[in-house]
Amino acid sequence: MTKKVVTIAFCFVACVFLSGIALADRPPPNAKQLSEIVRSLELQGFEPIIEIEFDDGQWEVKAYKEGRKRQVKIDPVTGTTKSDRADD
């Protein structure tokens, strides 16, 4: 009986932990639409945009600007650029 309770408790904790991870990598409810973020980047000369991922509370974008590959991090709520660096 005790082994069964421990197993159930472990499964419950694992499910809660994993669901928290899945929810953490989503833009907040008040975030700008992704289409707005993409349009803003294009207007700044970033094209082609080759990858977009939401991670650690921000949009991480890989795109080319002036022929050079860049990695840009964007605040999802304000749409402002948090960092822009060369991507090797």
N, C-alpha and C. Protein backbone atom coordinates (compact mmCIF):
# COMPACT_ATOMS: atom_id res chain seq x y z
N MET A 1 0.83 -1.20 0.00
CA MET A 1 0.00 0.00 0.00
C MET A 1 0.87 1.26 0.00
N THR A 2 1.90 1.33 0.84
CA THR A 2 2.75 2.50 0.93
C THR A 2 3.48 2.74 -0.38
N LYS A 3 3.94 1.67 -1.03
CA LYS A 3 4.62 1.79 -2.30
C LYS A 3 3.70 2.39 -3.37
N LYS A 4 2.44 1.99 -3.33
CA LYS A 4 1.45 2.50 -4.28
C LYS A 4 1.20 3.99 -4.05
N VAL A 5 1.11 4.42 -2.82
CA VAL A 5 0.89 5.83 -2.48
C VAL A 5 2.09 6.67 -2.93
N VAL A 6 3.29 6.17 -2.70
CA VAL A 6 4.49 6.88 -3.12
C VAL A 6 4.54 7.01 -4.64
N THR A 7 4.18 5.95 -5.34
CA THR A 7 4.17 5.97 -6.80
C THR A 7 3.15 6.99 -7.32
N ILE A 8 1.98 6.99 -6.75
CA ILE A 8 0.94 7.94 -7.16
C ILE A 8 1.38 9.37 -6.87
N ALA A 9 1.95 9.58 -5.70
CA ALA A 9 2.42 10.92 -5.33
C ALA A 9 3.51 11.38 -6.29
N PHE A 10 4.44 10.49 -6.63
CA PHE A 10 5.50 10.83 -7.57
C PHE A 10 4.93 11.21 -8.93
N CYS A 11 3.99 10.43 -9.42
CA CYS A 11 3.36 10.72 -10.72
C CYS A 11 2.63 12.06 -10.69
N PHE A 12 1.96 12.36 -9.60
CA PHE A 12 1.24 13.62 -9.47
C PHE A 12 2.22 14.80 -9.52
N VAL A 13 3.30 14.70 -8.75
CA VAL A 13 4.30 15.77 -8.71
C VAL A 13 4.94 15.94 -10.09
N ALA A 14 5.24 14.84 -10.75
CA ALA A 14 5.85 14.91 -12.08
C ALA A 14 4.91 15.60 -13.07
N CYS A 15 3.64 15.26 -13.02
CA CYS A 15 2.66 15.88 -13.93
C CYS A 15 2.52 17.38 -13.67
N VAL A 16 2.47 17.77 -12.41
CA VAL A 16 2.36 19.19 -12.07
C VAL A 16 3.61 19.93 -12.54
N PHE A 17 4.77 19.36 -12.30
CA PHE A 17 6.03 19.98 -12.71
C PHE A 17 6.09 20.14 -14.23
N LEU A 18 5.78 19.08 -14.95
CA LEU A 18 5.86 19.13 -16.41
C LEU A 18 4.82 20.06 -17.01
N SER A 19 3.64 20.12 -16.43
CA SER A 19 2.63 21.05 -16.96
C SER A 19 3.05 22.49 -16.71
N GLY A 20 3.75 22.74 -15.62
CA GLY A 20 4.27 24.08 -15.34
C GLY A 20 5.29 24.51 -16.36
N ILE A 21 6.12 23.58 -16.79
CA ILE A 21 7.11 23.88 -17.82
C ILE A 21 6.41 24.24 -19.12
N ALA A 22 5.42 23.47 -19.48
CA ALA A 22 4.70 23.73 -20.73
C ALA A 22 4.02 25.09 -20.71
N LEU A 23 3.44 25.47 -19.59
CA LEU A 23 2.76 26.75 -19.48
C LEU A 23 3.73 27.91 -19.43
N ALA A 24 4.93 27.68 -18.94
CA ALA A 24 5.90 28.76 -18.79
C ALA A 24 6.37 29.29 -20.13
N ASP A 25 6.34 28.49 -21.17
CA ASP A 25 6.83 28.92 -22.47
C ASP A 25 5.71 29.39 -23.38
N ARG A 26 4.82 30.18 -22.81
CA ARG A 26 3.73 30.78 -23.58
C ARG A 26 3.76 32.28 -23.34
N PRO A 27 3.48 33.06 -24.36
CA PRO A 27 3.43 34.52 -24.15
C PRO A 27 2.34 34.87 -23.14
N PRO A 28 2.54 35.94 -22.39
CA PRO A 28 1.51 36.36 -21.42
C PRO A 28 0.25 36.83 -22.15
N PRO A 29 -0.87 36.86 -21.45
CA PRO A 29 -2.14 37.25 -22.08
C PRO A 29 -2.12 38.66 -22.69
N ASN A 30 -1.32 39.55 -22.15
CA ASN A 30 -1.27 40.93 -22.66
C ASN A 30 -0.17 41.14 -23.70
N ALA A 31 0.37 40.06 -24.24
CA ALA A 31 1.43 40.16 -25.24
C ALA A 31 0.90 40.68 -26.57
N LYS A 32 1.77 41.35 -27.31
CA LYS A 32 1.42 41.77 -28.67
C LYS A 32 1.26 40.52 -29.53
N GLN A 33 0.48 40.65 -30.57
CA GLN A 33 0.32 39.56 -31.52
C GLN A 33 1.67 39.29 -32.21
N LEU A 34 1.95 38.02 -32.45
CA LEU A 34 3.20 37.66 -33.11
C LEU A 34 3.32 38.34 -34.47
N SER A 35 2.22 38.50 -35.16
CA SER A 35 2.25 39.18 -36.46
C SER A 35 2.75 40.62 -36.34
N GLU A 36 2.42 41.29 -35.23
CA GLU A 36 2.92 42.65 -35.00
C GLU A 36 4.43 42.65 -34.77
N ILE A 37 4.91 41.66 -34.02
CA ILE A 37 6.34 41.55 -33.75
C ILE A 37 7.09 41.32 -35.07
N VAL A 38 6.59 40.39 -35.88
CA VAL A 38 7.23 40.09 -37.16
C VAL A 38 7.23 41.31 -38.07
N ARG A 39 6.11 42.00 -38.15
CA ARG A 39 6.02 43.19 -39.01
C ARG A 39 7.02 44.26 -38.57
N SER A 40 7.13 44.46 -37.27
CA SER A 40 8.07 45.44 -36.73
C SER A 40 9.51 45.07 -37.09
N LEU A 41 9.85 43.80 -36.97
CA LEU A 41 11.20 43.35 -37.33
C LEU A 41 11.47 43.56 -38.81
N GLU A 42 10.47 43.25 -39.64
CA GLU A 42 10.64 43.45 -41.08
C GLU A 42 10.85 44.93 -41.41
N LEU A 43 10.11 45.80 -40.74
CA LEU A 43 10.28 47.25 -40.97
C LEU A 43 11.65 47.74 -40.52
N GLN A 44 12.28 47.02 -39.60
CA GLN A 44 13.63 47.36 -39.14
C GLN A 44 14.71 46.76 -40.03
N GLY A 45 14.29 46.01 -41.06
CA GLY A 45 15.25 45.45 -42.01
C GLY A 45 15.65 44.01 -41.74
N PHE A 46 14.96 43.35 -40.83
CA PHE A 46 15.27 41.95 -40.56
C PHE A 46 14.48 41.08 -41.54
N GLU A 47 15.20 40.50 -42.51
CA GLU A 47 14.58 39.55 -43.41
C GLU A 47 15.64 38.84 -44.22
N PRO A 48 15.47 37.58 -44.43
CA PRO A 48 14.33 36.77 -44.00
C PRO A 48 14.40 36.41 -42.53
N ILE A 49 13.25 36.25 -41.93
CA ILE A 49 13.15 35.74 -40.57
C ILE A 49 13.11 34.21 -40.71
N ILE A 50 14.05 33.53 -40.06
CA ILE A 50 14.16 32.09 -40.28
C ILE A 50 13.70 31.23 -39.10
N GLU A 51 13.60 31.84 -37.91
CA GLU A 51 13.14 31.06 -36.75
C GLU A 51 12.60 32.01 -35.69
N ILE A 52 11.49 31.61 -35.09
CA ILE A 52 10.91 32.36 -33.98
C ILE A 52 10.52 31.36 -32.91
N GLU A 53 10.94 31.66 -31.67
CA GLU A 53 10.63 30.76 -30.55
C GLU A 53 10.35 31.61 -29.31
N PHE A 54 9.37 31.20 -28.52
CA PHE A 54 9.12 31.88 -27.25
C PHE A 54 9.80 31.07 -26.16
N ASP A 55 10.76 31.69 -25.48
CA ASP A 55 11.54 30.99 -24.46
C ASP A 55 11.97 31.98 -23.39
N ASP A 56 11.93 31.54 -22.16
CA ASP A 56 12.36 32.37 -21.02
C ASP A 56 11.68 33.73 -20.98
N GLY A 57 10.39 33.75 -21.34
CA GLY A 57 9.61 34.97 -21.22
C GLY A 57 9.83 36.00 -22.32
N GLN A 58 10.45 35.59 -23.42
CA GLN A 58 10.69 36.54 -24.51
C GLN A 58 10.69 35.82 -25.85
N TRP A 59 10.48 36.60 -26.90
CA TRP A 59 10.58 36.04 -28.24
C TRP A 59 12.04 36.01 -28.62
N GLU A 60 12.50 34.87 -29.11
CA GLU A 60 13.86 34.73 -29.62
C GLU A 60 13.75 34.52 -31.12
N VAL A 61 14.33 35.43 -31.86
CA VAL A 61 14.17 35.45 -33.32
C VAL A 61 15.54 35.33 -33.97
N LYS A 62 15.62 34.47 -34.98
CA LYS A 62 16.81 34.40 -35.82
C LYS A 62 16.42 34.92 -37.18
N ALA A 63 17.19 35.90 -37.64
CA ALA A 63 16.87 36.55 -38.91
C ALA A 63 18.13 37.15 -39.49
N TYR A 64 18.05 37.52 -40.73
CA TYR A 64 19.17 38.20 -41.38
C TYR A 64 18.88 39.69 -41.47
N LYS A 65 19.94 40.46 -41.29
CA LYS A 65 19.86 41.91 -41.49
C LYS A 65 21.15 42.33 -42.17
N GLU A 66 21.01 42.99 -43.30
CA GLU A 66 22.16 43.43 -44.09
C GLU A 66 23.08 42.25 -44.41
N GLY A 67 22.47 41.08 -44.68
CA GLY A 67 23.23 39.90 -45.07
C GLY A 67 23.89 39.14 -43.94
N ARG A 68 23.68 39.59 -42.71
CA ARG A 68 24.31 38.93 -41.56
C ARG A 68 23.24 38.29 -40.68
N LYS A 69 23.53 37.07 -40.23
CA LYS A 69 22.59 36.36 -39.36
C LYS A 69 22.63 36.95 -37.96
N ARG A 70 21.43 37.25 -37.41
CA ARG A 70 21.31 37.88 -36.11
C ARG A 70 20.41 37.06 -35.20
N GLN A 71 20.61 37.19 -33.90
CA GLN A 71 19.66 36.64 -32.92
C GLN A 71 19.14 37.83 -32.13
N VAL A 72 17.82 37.99 -32.18
CA VAL A 72 17.18 39.14 -31.56
C VAL A 72 16.22 38.64 -30.50
N LYS A 73 16.23 39.29 -29.34
CA LYS A 73 15.29 38.95 -28.26
C LYS A 73 14.34 40.12 -28.08
N ILE A 74 13.05 39.78 -28.07
CA ILE A 74 11.99 40.79 -28.07
C ILE A 74 11.09 40.63 -26.86
N ASP A 75 10.78 41.75 -26.20
CA ASP A 75 9.82 41.74 -25.10
C ASP A 75 8.44 41.48 -25.68
N PRO A 76 7.71 40.47 -25.18
CA PRO A 76 6.43 40.13 -25.79
C PRO A 76 5.32 41.15 -25.55
N VAL A 77 5.42 41.92 -24.49
CA VAL A 77 4.36 42.88 -24.16
C VAL A 77 4.58 44.21 -24.86
N THR A 78 5.80 44.73 -24.81
CA THR A 78 6.07 46.03 -25.41
C THR A 78 6.52 45.95 -26.86
N GLY A 79 7.07 44.80 -27.24
CA GLY A 79 7.59 44.65 -28.59
C GLY A 79 8.96 45.26 -28.78
N THR A 80 9.58 45.72 -27.70
CA THR A 80 10.90 46.34 -27.81
C THR A 80 12.00 45.28 -27.88
N THR A 81 13.08 45.66 -28.54
CA THR A 81 14.23 44.77 -28.67
C THR A 81 15.03 44.79 -27.37
N LYS A 82 15.20 43.61 -26.78
CA LYS A 82 15.98 43.48 -25.55
C LYS A 82 17.45 43.22 -25.85
N SER A 83 17.72 42.51 -26.95
CA SER A 83 19.09 42.31 -27.39
C SER A 83 19.10 41.98 -28.87
N ASP A 84 20.21 42.30 -29.49
CA ASP A 84 20.40 42.05 -30.92
C ASP A 84 21.89 41.75 -31.08
N ARG A 85 22.20 40.50 -31.41
CA ARG A 85 23.61 40.12 -31.53
C ARG A 85 23.80 39.20 -32.72
N ALA A 86 25.07 39.09 -33.13
CA ALA A 86 25.40 38.18 -34.21
C ALA A 86 25.10 36.75 -33.77
N ASP A 87 24.59 35.95 -34.70
CA ASP A 87 24.31 34.55 -34.42
C ASP A 87 25.26 33.71 -35.24
N ASP A 88 26.10 32.98 -34.57
CA ASP A 88 27.13 32.18 -35.25
C ASP A 88 26.56 30.93 -35.83
